[in-house]
Amino acid sequence: MAKLKLRKKDLENIGYPSGRIIGLVINTALRHYKRRPKEIVLELLASVLQQQEKYKDDPIWKEVVLALQKDAKDHPILQLLPKEKFFPIYGAQEIEEGAKQQMRLAMRLPITVAGALMPDAHQGYGLPIGGVLATENAIIPYAVGVDIGCRMALTLYDLKPDFLQKSRVKLKDILLENTRFGYEGFEQPMGDEVLENPLFKEIHLLKRLQQKARQQIGSSGSGNHFVEFGIVDLKDERNEFDLPLGQYLGVLSHSGSRGLGANIAQHYTKRAMENCRLPREAKHLAWLDLDTEAGEEYWNAMNLAGDYASACHDHIHRRLAKALGENPIAKVENHHNFAWKEQLADGRSVIVHRKGATPAGKGVLGIIPGSMSAPGYIVRGRGHPIAISSASHGAGRLMSRTQAKKTFNHRMMKDHLKAKEVDLIGGGLDESPFAYKDINTVMNLQTDLVDIVGSFTPKIVRMDAEKKRRK
């Protein structure tokens, strides 16, 4: 029989608290049960956790029981509110029950002040994607998300749609030469002042991430991240760009803080879960108080990751502008997966988490994308107080990546993109346009939150290649 293998996640899934106790439990199990089936050992471990009195004098498990009891005394489980606070749901009929349930759970945290659920919402970890949560002097790393500061950036050029039609081959070559995705980076990345931020020396975690950040800057992630050429159609004559109504060439990018943000999220989520014990169903909502050393560190690291993500987009758009031989005439940028210090309408100071939701304060510009074959929209926020001045960050997924791969095939996707006159470089079935909600339905559900300034219709799309991601 194969040797027993246990992982930290195995134990957390049956209710063991994060921290050093995990190592003690794994070492004890391997010492005495290394040839037993994993499922039998996990049943035993669950029994030890749930019936500690029974095992307190057991020669094998008494040390684990003592550690569990000390841990429970040092880090008691915090209680949730008995009933969730009110929060508005925009487009409830378009949102899966799992996402609503996650939001209800977040609204029972003792630190929660207010919340809202956007129409693109779907289930995630901790806070649902599309969730907005305002807290009192506390920050939840998983309510910010793993891809810290992920954002949209759009640049407009004084070039008309016929330029794109006549130059498709050239524009595809420009994307291939000037963008990188996934594990690939540029042989000679551009320098940036964000890489010299003193936080890289002041925060221990960031010291080992600085070189990786230097290597990855200017590149994009995998999954739903992209760089696109498309057609911008300005529809509001009061647009903030002071441009005539009409159509322009546009470049739209979507990506985040790469490995830097992911490592920050994982590290501080672990610290939060070790020090803020919540009932098992809410464990991913563990928070850090901002007046603690860990909370202050995370806040500073999060803001650095946001600045880094912005620098990555700046590099992407500068490279493409140089290759085009044109200067942009306008730019819009907005981000999600972040936390802001803001004031609510009643004057209370709060920390607003927007996980897969974007700021939509009064007069604030942003981009809400559709899919690789559907238009996105340039929007102006209306500052709706009940929505905590927020809006959706996109169309939102209709189904999971796994389900999309099982449901659709490459022929269906190829025929659809051809009909929409979209050229795709890379990408996969998990990002199929069919896997997303209808963007126009989503926009109609948030007319109270934003006004439409214009649209962006993708025509040449580059994403990470599915085969490369599997490899």
Protein backbone atom coordinates (compact mmCIF):
# COMPACT_ATOMS: atom_id res chain seq x y z
CA MET A 1 0.00 0.00 0.00
CA ALA A 2 1.26 3.49 -0.88
CA LYS A 3 2.64 5.67 1.90
CA LEU A 4 0.14 8.05 3.49
CA LYS A 5 0.23 11.63 2.22
CA LEU A 6 -1.49 14.43 4.11
CA ARG A 7 -1.62 18.10 3.21
CA LYS A 8 -2.39 21.21 5.22
CA LYS A 9 -5.55 21.69 3.15
CA ASP A 10 -6.78 18.18 4.02
CA LEU A 11 -6.77 19.04 7.70
CA GLU A 12 -8.25 22.50 7.27
CA ASN A 13 -11.10 20.97 5.27
CA ILE A 14 -12.12 18.83 8.26
CA GLY A 15 -11.92 21.78 10.66
CA TYR A 16 -8.37 21.91 12.05
CA PRO A 17 -7.20 25.46 12.76
CA SER A 18 -4.40 26.98 10.66
CA GLY A 19 -1.01 27.29 12.33
CA ARG A 20 1.68 25.11 13.85
CA ILE A 21 -0.82 22.58 15.14
CA ILE A 22 -1.28 21.32 11.55
CA GLY A 23 2.33 20.13 11.45
CA LEU A 24 1.96 18.33 14.78
CA VAL A 25 -1.16 16.49 13.58
CA ILE A 26 0.41 15.48 10.24
CA ASN A 27 3.64 14.26 11.91
CA THR A 28 1.67 12.24 14.47
CA ALA A 29 -0.49 10.63 11.79
CA LEU A 30 2.51 9.76 9.60
CA ARG A 31 4.41 8.32 12.54
CA HIS A 32 1.67 5.89 13.51
CA TYR A 33 -0.54 5.39 10.45
CA LYS A 34 1.69 5.84 7.41
CA ARG A 35 0.43 2.63 5.75
CA ARG A 36 -3.27 3.22 6.39
CA PRO A 37 -5.70 4.52 3.70
CA LYS A 38 -5.98 8.29 3.66
CA GLU A 39 -9.78 8.37 4.04
CA ILE A 40 -9.56 6.17 7.19
CA VAL A 41 -6.89 8.41 8.72
CA LEU A 42 -8.91 11.54 7.98
CA GLU A 43 -11.95 9.98 9.68
CA LEU A 44 -9.79 9.34 12.74
CA LEU A 45 -8.41 12.88 12.71
CA ALA A 46 -11.95 14.27 12.51
CA SER A 47 -12.90 12.13 15.49
CA VAL A 48 -9.91 13.42 17.50
CA LEU A 49 -10.93 17.01 16.74
CA GLN A 50 -14.60 16.53 17.54
CA GLN A 51 -14.24 14.23 20.59
CA GLN A 52 -11.22 15.63 22.38
CA GLU A 53 -12.30 14.32 25.83
CA LYS A 54 -12.22 10.78 24.45
CA TYR A 55 -8.61 11.14 23.27
CA LYS A 56 -7.12 13.34 26.02
CA ASP A 57 -5.37 10.36 27.69
CA ASP A 58 -4.64 8.41 24.49
CA PRO A 59 -0.85 7.83 24.26
CA ILE A 60 -0.85 8.74 20.55
CA TRP A 61 -3.20 11.71 20.53
CA LYS A 62 -2.95 13.34 23.98
CA GLU A 63 -0.26 15.78 22.78
CA VAL A 64 -2.51 16.85 19.87
CA VAL A 65 -5.50 17.26 22.21
CA LEU A 66 -3.44 19.43 24.58
CA ALA A 67 -2.32 21.57 21.64
CA LEU A 68 -5.92 21.92 20.42
CA GLN A 69 -7.12 22.97 23.86
CA LYS A 70 -4.33 25.54 24.27
CA ASP A 71 -5.00 26.85 20.77
CA ALA A 72 -8.71 27.21 21.53
CA LYS A 73 -7.87 29.14 24.71
CA ASP A 74 -5.34 31.43 23.01
CA HIS A 75 -7.43 31.94 19.86
CA PRO A 76 -11.14 31.56 20.69
CA ILE A 77 -13.60 31.29 17.82
CA LEU A 78 -15.29 34.64 17.22
CA GLN A 79 -19.04 34.57 16.95
CA LEU A 80 -20.98 35.88 13.95
CA LEU A 81 -24.01 38.11 14.29
CA PRO A 82 -27.21 36.03 14.56
CA LYS A 83 -28.73 37.77 11.51
CA GLU A 84 -27.15 39.43 8.50
CA LYS A 85 -27.34 43.19 8.04
CA PHE A 86 -29.34 44.49 5.09
CA PHE A 87 -27.59 44.73 1.73
CA PRO A 88 -29.01 45.49 -1.75
CA ILE A 89 -28.73 42.93 -4.55
CA TYR A 90 -28.68 44.31 -8.09
CA GLY A 91 -30.17 41.76 -10.48
CA ALA A 92 -30.93 39.02 -7.96
CA GLN A 93 -32.50 36.88 -10.70
CA GLU A 94 -29.13 36.75 -12.51
CA ILE A 95 -27.08 35.70 -9.47
CA GLU A 96 -26.52 32.13 -8.24
CA GLU A 97 -27.64 31.26 -4.72
CA GLY A 98 -24.09 30.40 -3.62
CA ALA A 99 -22.95 33.99 -4.19
CA LYS A 100 -25.92 35.37 -2.27
CA GLN A 101 -25.22 33.00 0.62
CA GLN A 102 -21.56 34.09 0.74
CA MET A 103 -22.66 37.72 0.90
CA ARG A 104 -25.15 36.98 3.68
CA LEU A 105 -22.35 35.37 5.67
CA ALA A 106 -20.09 38.41 5.18
CA MET A 107 -22.92 40.64 6.42
CA ARG A 108 -22.87 38.74 9.74
CA LEU A 109 -19.27 39.65 10.59
CA PRO A 110 -19.03 41.80 13.72
CA ILE A 111 -16.82 44.29 11.81
CA THR A 112 -19.30 44.71 8.91
CA VAL A 113 -20.93 48.12 8.48
CA ALA A 114 -22.55 47.86 5.02
CA GLY A 115 -22.48 45.82 1.82
CA ALA A 116 -23.88 45.38 -1.68
CA LEU A 117 -23.92 42.72 -4.40
CA MET A 118 -23.37 43.71 -8.02
CA PRO A 119 -25.26 42.16 -11.00
CA ASP A 120 -22.17 40.32 -12.32
CA ALA A 121 -21.78 38.45 -9.01
CA HIS A 122 -20.83 34.79 -8.78
CA GLN A 123 -19.40 32.53 -6.11
CA GLY A 124 -15.76 32.89 -5.06
CA TYR A 125 -13.72 32.38 -1.89
CA GLY A 126 -14.81 34.34 1.16
CA LEU A 127 -16.52 37.34 -0.36
CA PRO A 128 -18.29 36.55 -3.67
CA ILE A 129 -16.96 38.02 -6.91
CA GLY A 130 -19.04 41.17 -7.32
CA GLY A 131 -19.27 41.72 -3.58
CA VAL A 132 -18.77 45.11 -1.91
CA LEU A 133 -18.15 45.13 1.84
CA ALA A 134 -17.57 48.11 4.15
CA THR A 135 -15.88 47.27 7.47
CA GLU A 136 -14.82 49.19 10.56
CA ASN A 137 -11.01 49.58 10.92
CA ALA A 138 -10.35 46.08 9.57
CA ILE A 139 -9.26 44.57 6.28
CA ILE A 140 -10.03 41.08 4.96
CA PRO A 141 -7.30 39.82 2.57
CA TYR A 142 -9.65 37.35 0.87
CA ALA A 143 -12.28 40.08 0.43
CA VAL A 144 -9.66 41.95 -1.58
CA GLY A 145 -8.75 38.83 -3.53
CA VAL A 146 -5.65 37.06 -4.77
CA ASP A 147 -5.03 39.25 -7.82
CA ILE A 148 -4.65 42.49 -5.88
CA GLY A 149 -5.35 45.67 -7.82
CA CYS A 150 -6.48 43.88 -10.98
CA ARG A 151 -7.67 46.54 -13.39
CA MET A 152 -8.87 47.66 -16.79
CA ALA A 153 -6.97 50.22 -18.87
CA LEU A 154 -8.20 51.71 -22.15
CA THR A 155 -6.33 54.02 -24.53
CA LEU A 156 -7.92 55.76 -27.54
CA TYR A 157 -6.17 56.67 -30.79
CA ASP A 158 -7.16 59.10 -33.50
CA LEU A 159 -7.48 56.24 -35.98
CA LYS A 160 -10.74 55.14 -37.57
CA PRO A 161 -12.21 51.61 -37.82
CA ASP A 162 -11.05 51.14 -41.41
CA PHE A 163 -7.44 51.30 -40.13
CA LEU A 164 -8.12 48.20 -38.04
CA GLN A 165 -9.76 46.37 -40.92
CA LYS A 166 -6.86 47.12 -43.27
CA SER A 167 -4.16 46.37 -40.69
CA ARG A 168 -5.35 43.18 -38.97
CA VAL A 169 -2.20 41.20 -39.76
CA LYS A 170 0.04 44.04 -38.61
CA LEU A 171 -1.95 44.55 -35.40
CA LYS A 172 -1.81 40.83 -34.58
CA ASP A 173 1.96 40.92 -35.01
CA ILE A 174 2.14 43.98 -32.76
CA LEU A 175 0.25 42.11 -30.01
CA LEU A 176 2.47 39.05 -30.34
CA GLU A 177 5.66 41.09 -30.19
CA ASN A 178 4.68 43.50 -27.42
CA THR A 179 2.64 41.49 -24.92
CA ARG A 180 3.50 38.55 -22.66
CA PHE A 181 1.17 36.26 -20.70
CA GLY A 182 1.31 33.70 -17.92
CA TYR A 183 4.82 32.54 -17.06
CA GLU A 184 6.39 34.39 -19.98
CA GLY A 185 8.10 37.73 -19.49
CA PHE A 186 10.17 40.08 -21.61
CA GLU A 187 13.87 39.35 -22.04
CA GLN A 188 14.50 43.00 -21.26
CA PRO A 189 11.69 44.34 -19.07
CA MET A 190 11.31 48.09 -18.80
CA GLY A 191 12.38 49.70 -15.52
CA ASP A 192 9.91 51.51 -13.30
CA GLU A 193 10.05 53.62 -10.14
CA VAL A 194 7.54 51.31 -8.46
CA LEU A 195 10.27 48.65 -8.30
CA GLU A 196 12.39 50.95 -6.15
CA ASN A 197 9.69 51.47 -3.53
CA PRO A 198 11.35 51.31 -0.07
CA LEU A 199 8.68 48.83 1.07
CA PHE A 200 10.61 46.12 -0.80
CA LYS A 201 13.31 46.54 1.85
CA GLU A 202 11.11 47.36 4.84
CA ILE A 203 8.68 44.41 4.69
CA HIS A 204 10.37 41.02 5.02
CA LEU A 205 7.97 39.22 2.66
CA LEU A 206 8.56 41.75 -0.14
CA LYS A 207 12.35 41.37 -0.10
CA ARG A 208 12.18 37.99 -1.83
CA LEU A 209 9.48 39.16 -4.27
CA GLN A 210 11.28 42.19 -5.68
CA GLN A 211 13.30 40.33 -8.32
CA LYS A 212 10.28 38.36 -9.52
CA ALA A 213 8.30 41.60 -9.77
CA ARG A 214 11.12 43.10 -11.82
CA GLN A 215 11.03 40.12 -14.22
CA GLN A 216 7.24 40.08 -14.64
CA ILE A 217 6.56 43.80 -14.99
CA GLY A 218 4.73 44.72 -18.18
CA SER A 219 3.26 41.22 -18.59
CA SER A 220 -0.27 39.91 -18.09
CA GLY A 221 -1.68 36.97 -16.17
CA SER A 222 -3.56 33.89 -17.36
CA GLY A 223 -7.27 33.10 -17.13
CA ASN A 224 -9.49 36.00 -18.15
CA HIS A 225 -6.66 38.51 -18.62
CA PHE A 226 -6.26 39.98 -22.09
CA VAL A 227 -4.97 42.75 -24.35
CA GLU A 228 -7.28 43.74 -27.23
CA PHE A 229 -7.51 46.03 -30.22
CA GLY A 230 -11.04 47.18 -30.87
CA ILE A 231 -13.41 49.98 -31.82
CA VAL A 232 -14.37 52.68 -29.32
CA ASP A 233 -17.70 54.40 -30.01
CA LEU A 234 -18.17 57.60 -28.01
CA LYS A 235 -21.88 58.20 -27.42
CA ASP A 236 -21.93 61.06 -24.88
CA GLU A 237 -21.18 64.51 -26.26
CA ARG A 238 -20.36 65.60 -22.69
CA ASN A 239 -17.50 63.09 -22.56
CA GLU A 240 -14.57 63.99 -20.32
CA PHE A 241 -12.08 63.55 -23.18
CA ASP A 242 -13.41 66.60 -25.09
CA LEU A 243 -13.54 64.42 -28.21
CA PRO A 244 -16.15 64.53 -30.99
CA LEU A 245 -18.73 61.76 -31.03
CA GLY A 246 -17.74 58.88 -33.28
CA GLN A 247 -15.48 55.87 -33.55
CA TYR A 248 -11.81 55.48 -32.64
CA LEU A 249 -9.22 52.73 -32.45
CA GLY A 250 -8.84 51.52 -28.87
CA VAL A 251 -6.54 49.25 -26.86
CA LEU A 252 -8.06 47.57 -23.82
CA SER A 253 -6.06 45.57 -21.27
CA HIS A 254 -7.10 43.53 -18.23
CA SER A 255 -4.57 42.21 -15.75
CA GLY A 256 -3.36 42.58 -12.17
CA SER A 257 -0.36 42.43 -9.88
CA ARG A 258 0.97 39.07 -11.05
CA GLY A 259 3.05 36.97 -8.61
CA LEU A 260 3.64 39.94 -6.32
CA GLY A 261 -0.05 40.32 -5.46
CA ALA A 262 -0.68 36.57 -5.23
CA ASN A 263 2.12 36.08 -2.69
CA ILE A 264 0.98 39.05 -0.61
CA ALA A 265 -2.59 37.69 -0.58
CA GLN A 266 -1.55 34.17 0.45
CA HIS A 267 0.83 35.33 3.18
CA TYR A 268 -1.52 37.75 4.90
CA THR A 269 -4.58 35.52 4.48
CA LYS A 270 -2.68 32.87 6.44
CA ARG A 271 -1.79 35.39 9.16
CA ALA A 272 -5.38 36.57 9.34
CA MET A 273 -6.73 33.02 9.66
CA GLU A 274 -4.22 32.19 12.38
CA ASN A 275 -5.14 35.19 14.53
CA CYS A 276 -8.82 35.70 13.71
CA ARG A 277 -10.66 32.42 14.28
CA LEU A 278 -14.12 32.29 12.73
CA PRO A 279 -16.64 29.46 12.37
CA ARG A 280 -15.56 27.06 9.66
CA GLU A 281 -18.02 28.32 7.05
CA ALA A 282 -16.66 31.87 7.44
CA LYS A 283 -12.94 31.14 7.85
CA HIS A 284 -11.96 32.83 4.56
CA LEU A 285 -13.38 36.10 5.90
CA ALA A 286 -10.72 36.37 8.62
CA TRP A 287 -9.54 39.95 9.03
CA LEU A 288 -6.59 42.00 10.21
CA ASP A 289 -7.15 45.03 12.42
CA LEU A 290 -5.56 48.07 10.78
CA ASP A 291 -4.03 49.22 14.06
CA THR A 292 -1.94 46.02 14.33
CA GLU A 293 1.48 45.49 12.77
CA ALA A 294 0.14 42.80 10.42
CA GLY A 295 -2.80 44.97 9.35
CA GLU A 296 -0.57 47.96 8.61
CA GLU A 297 1.89 45.75 6.71
CA TYR A 298 -0.86 44.26 4.56
CA TRP A 299 -2.37 47.68 3.83
CA ASN A 300 1.00 49.01 2.63
CA ALA A 301 1.77 45.85 0.64
CA MET A 302 -1.70 45.90 -0.96
CA ASN A 303 -1.21 49.49 -2.10
CA LEU A 304 2.22 48.63 -3.50
CA ALA A 305 0.67 45.73 -5.45
CA GLY A 306 -1.95 48.12 -6.82
CA ASP A 307 0.74 50.56 -7.97
CA TYR A 308 2.63 47.66 -9.54
CA ALA A 309 -0.47 46.50 -11.44
CA SER A 310 -0.95 50.03 -12.77
CA ALA A 311 2.69 50.13 -13.88
CA CYS A 312 2.22 46.84 -15.77
CA HIS A 313 -0.65 48.37 -17.75
CA ASP A 314 1.36 51.53 -18.36
CA HIS A 315 4.15 49.42 -19.88
CA ILE A 316 1.70 47.48 -22.06
CA HIS A 317 0.14 50.63 -23.49
CA ARG A 318 3.48 52.40 -23.97
CA ARG A 319 4.87 49.45 -25.92
CA LEU A 320 1.80 49.28 -28.14
CA ALA A 321 1.75 53.05 -28.73
CA LYS A 322 5.39 52.93 -29.81
CA ALA A 323 4.71 49.99 -32.16
CA LEU A 324 1.72 51.83 -33.65
CA GLY A 325 3.74 55.02 -34.02
CA GLU A 326 0.84 56.96 -32.48
CA ASN A 327 0.20 58.84 -29.25
CA PRO A 328 -3.02 58.08 -27.35
CA ILE A 329 -5.58 60.90 -27.27
CA ALA A 330 -7.37 59.64 -24.14
CA LYS A 331 -7.04 57.07 -21.38
CA VAL A 332 -9.33 55.46 -18.77
CA GLU A 333 -8.21 53.14 -15.96
CA ASN A 334 -10.09 51.62 -13.05
CA HIS A 335 -9.41 48.73 -10.68
CA HIS A 336 -11.10 46.10 -8.55
CA ASN A 337 -9.84 43.51 -6.02
CA PHE A 338 -8.82 46.29 -3.68
CA ALA A 339 -9.76 48.13 -0.50
CA TRP A 340 -10.22 51.88 -0.05
CA LYS A 341 -10.58 54.18 2.95
CA GLU A 342 -13.88 56.00 2.31
CA GLN A 343 -16.75 57.74 4.04
CA LEU A 344 -20.32 56.48 3.87
CA ALA A 345 -23.22 58.84 3.27
CA ASP A 346 -23.78 59.07 7.03
CA GLY A 347 -20.21 60.24 7.57
CA ARG A 348 -18.78 57.02 9.00
CA SER A 349 -15.19 56.19 7.99
CA VAL A 350 -14.92 52.64 6.65
CA ILE A 351 -12.72 50.29 4.68
CA VAL A 352 -14.54 49.43 1.43
CA HIS A 353 -13.58 46.08 -0.12
CA ARG A 354 -14.50 45.67 -3.79
CA LYS A 355 -13.83 42.11 -4.93
CA GLY A 356 -14.71 41.98 -8.60
CA ALA A 357 -16.51 45.31 -8.26
CA THR A 358 -15.32 48.77 -9.28
CA PRO A 359 -15.55 52.28 -7.83
CA ALA A 360 -18.45 54.27 -9.27
CA GLY A 361 -18.28 57.48 -7.29
CA LYS A 362 -20.06 60.51 -8.76
CA GLY A 363 -18.23 61.49 -11.96
CA VAL A 364 -15.67 58.66 -11.73
CA LEU A 365 -14.87 57.06 -15.11
CA GLY A 366 -14.39 53.32 -15.59
CA ILE A 367 -14.61 50.43 -18.04
CA ILE A 368 -16.97 47.46 -17.68
CA PRO A 369 -15.96 44.77 -20.20
CA GLY A 370 -18.23 42.15 -21.74
CA SER A 371 -16.41 39.14 -23.23
CA MET A 372 -14.01 38.51 -26.11
CA SER A 373 -16.94 38.85 -28.53
CA ALA A 374 -19.26 41.25 -26.68
CA PRO A 375 -18.85 45.01 -26.20
CA GLY A 376 -17.67 46.60 -23.02
CA TYR A 377 -18.73 50.04 -21.80
CA ILE A 378 -17.01 53.24 -20.73
CA VAL A 379 -19.07 54.46 -17.79
CA ARG A 380 -19.38 57.44 -15.48
CA GLY A 381 -20.27 56.67 -11.86
CA ARG A 382 -23.38 58.12 -10.25
CA GLY A 383 -22.16 57.74 -6.66
CA HIS A 384 -25.18 55.75 -5.47
CA PRO A 385 -24.85 55.57 -1.65
CA ILE A 386 -26.81 52.33 -1.18
CA ALA A 387 -24.41 50.56 -3.58
CA ILE A 388 -21.48 52.15 -1.69
CA SER A 389 -20.58 54.03 -4.90
CA SER A 390 -19.80 50.80 -6.77
CA ALA A 391 -20.66 48.98 -10.00
CA SER A 392 -19.92 45.64 -11.64
CA HIS A 393 -16.43 44.89 -12.93
CA GLY A 394 -17.64 43.02 -15.99
CA ALA A 395 -20.38 40.75 -17.30
CA GLY A 396 -19.61 38.05 -14.74
CA ARG A 397 -19.33 34.32 -15.27
CA LEU A 398 -22.39 32.30 -16.15
CA MET A 399 -20.62 29.02 -15.41
CA SER A 400 -17.33 27.76 -13.98
CA ARG A 401 -14.23 27.15 -16.10
CA THR A 402 -14.61 23.39 -15.69
CA GLN A 403 -18.26 23.47 -16.75
CA ALA A 404 -17.43 25.64 -19.77
CA LYS A 405 -14.83 23.12 -20.96
CA LYS A 406 -17.36 20.30 -20.66
CA THR A 407 -20.20 22.22 -22.30
CA PHE A 408 -18.58 23.82 -25.38
CA ASN A 409 -16.17 22.77 -28.09
CA HIS A 410 -13.59 24.63 -30.16
CA ARG A 411 -15.69 24.49 -33.34
CA MET A 412 -18.60 26.29 -31.62
CA MET A 413 -16.25 28.95 -30.32
CA LYS A 414 -14.43 29.37 -33.64
CA ASP A 415 -17.70 29.77 -35.58
CA HIS A 416 -19.01 32.29 -33.07
CA LEU A 417 -15.86 34.44 -33.18
CA LYS A 418 -15.84 34.34 -36.97
CA ALA A 419 -19.42 35.60 -37.06
CA LYS A 420 -18.43 38.45 -34.72
CA GLU A 421 -15.32 39.23 -36.81
CA VAL A 422 -13.01 38.64 -33.85
CA ASP A 423 -9.48 37.27 -34.23
CA LEU A 424 -8.31 35.36 -31.14
CA ILE A 425 -4.67 34.71 -30.26
CA GLY A 426 -4.45 32.14 -27.44
CA GLY A 427 -7.43 31.76 -25.14
CA GLY A 428 -9.35 28.60 -24.35
CA LEU A 429 -12.82 27.13 -23.85
CA ASP A 430 -12.77 28.20 -20.19
CA GLU A 431 -12.92 31.79 -21.45
CA SER A 432 -15.51 31.10 -24.14
CA PRO A 433 -17.95 33.99 -24.67
CA PHE A 434 -20.75 31.51 -23.89
CA ALA A 435 -19.40 31.16 -20.32
CA TYR A 436 -20.31 34.78 -19.50
CA LYS A 437 -23.55 36.56 -18.69
CA ASP A 438 -25.07 38.89 -21.26
CA ILE A 439 -23.35 42.25 -20.74
CA ASN A 440 -26.38 44.26 -21.86
CA THR A 441 -28.57 42.53 -19.29
CA VAL A 442 -25.97 43.32 -16.62
CA MET A 443 -25.79 46.97 -17.71
CA ASN A 444 -29.57 47.31 -17.63
CA LEU A 445 -29.53 46.12 -14.03
CA GLN A 446 -27.22 48.92 -12.90
CA THR A 447 -28.62 52.02 -14.59
CA ASP A 448 -28.89 53.58 -11.10
CA LEU A 449 -25.16 53.12 -10.61
CA VAL A 450 -23.52 54.33 -13.85
CA ASP A 451 -24.16 56.30 -17.03
CA ILE A 452 -22.77 55.05 -20.35
CA VAL A 453 -20.23 57.32 -22.04
CA GLY A 454 -19.23 54.97 -24.86
CA SER A 455 -18.56 51.38 -25.87
CA PHE A 456 -15.56 49.24 -26.78
CA THR A 457 -16.03 46.35 -29.23
CA PRO A 458 -13.11 43.87 -29.31
CA LYS A 459 -11.79 42.79 -32.72
CA ILE A 460 -8.28 41.35 -32.11
CA VAL A 461 -7.87 39.59 -28.77
CA ARG A 462 -4.77 38.14 -27.18
CA MET A 463 -4.90 35.90 -24.08
CA ASP A 464 -2.69 33.25 -22.51
CA ALA A 465 -2.68 30.04 -24.56
CA GLU A 466 -4.68 27.18 -23.03
CA LYS A 467 -2.07 24.51 -23.93
CA LYS A 468 0.74 26.59 -22.42
CA ARG A 469 -1.27 26.99 -19.20
CA ARG A 470 -1.79 23.21 -18.94
CA LYS A 471 1.90 22.63 -19.48
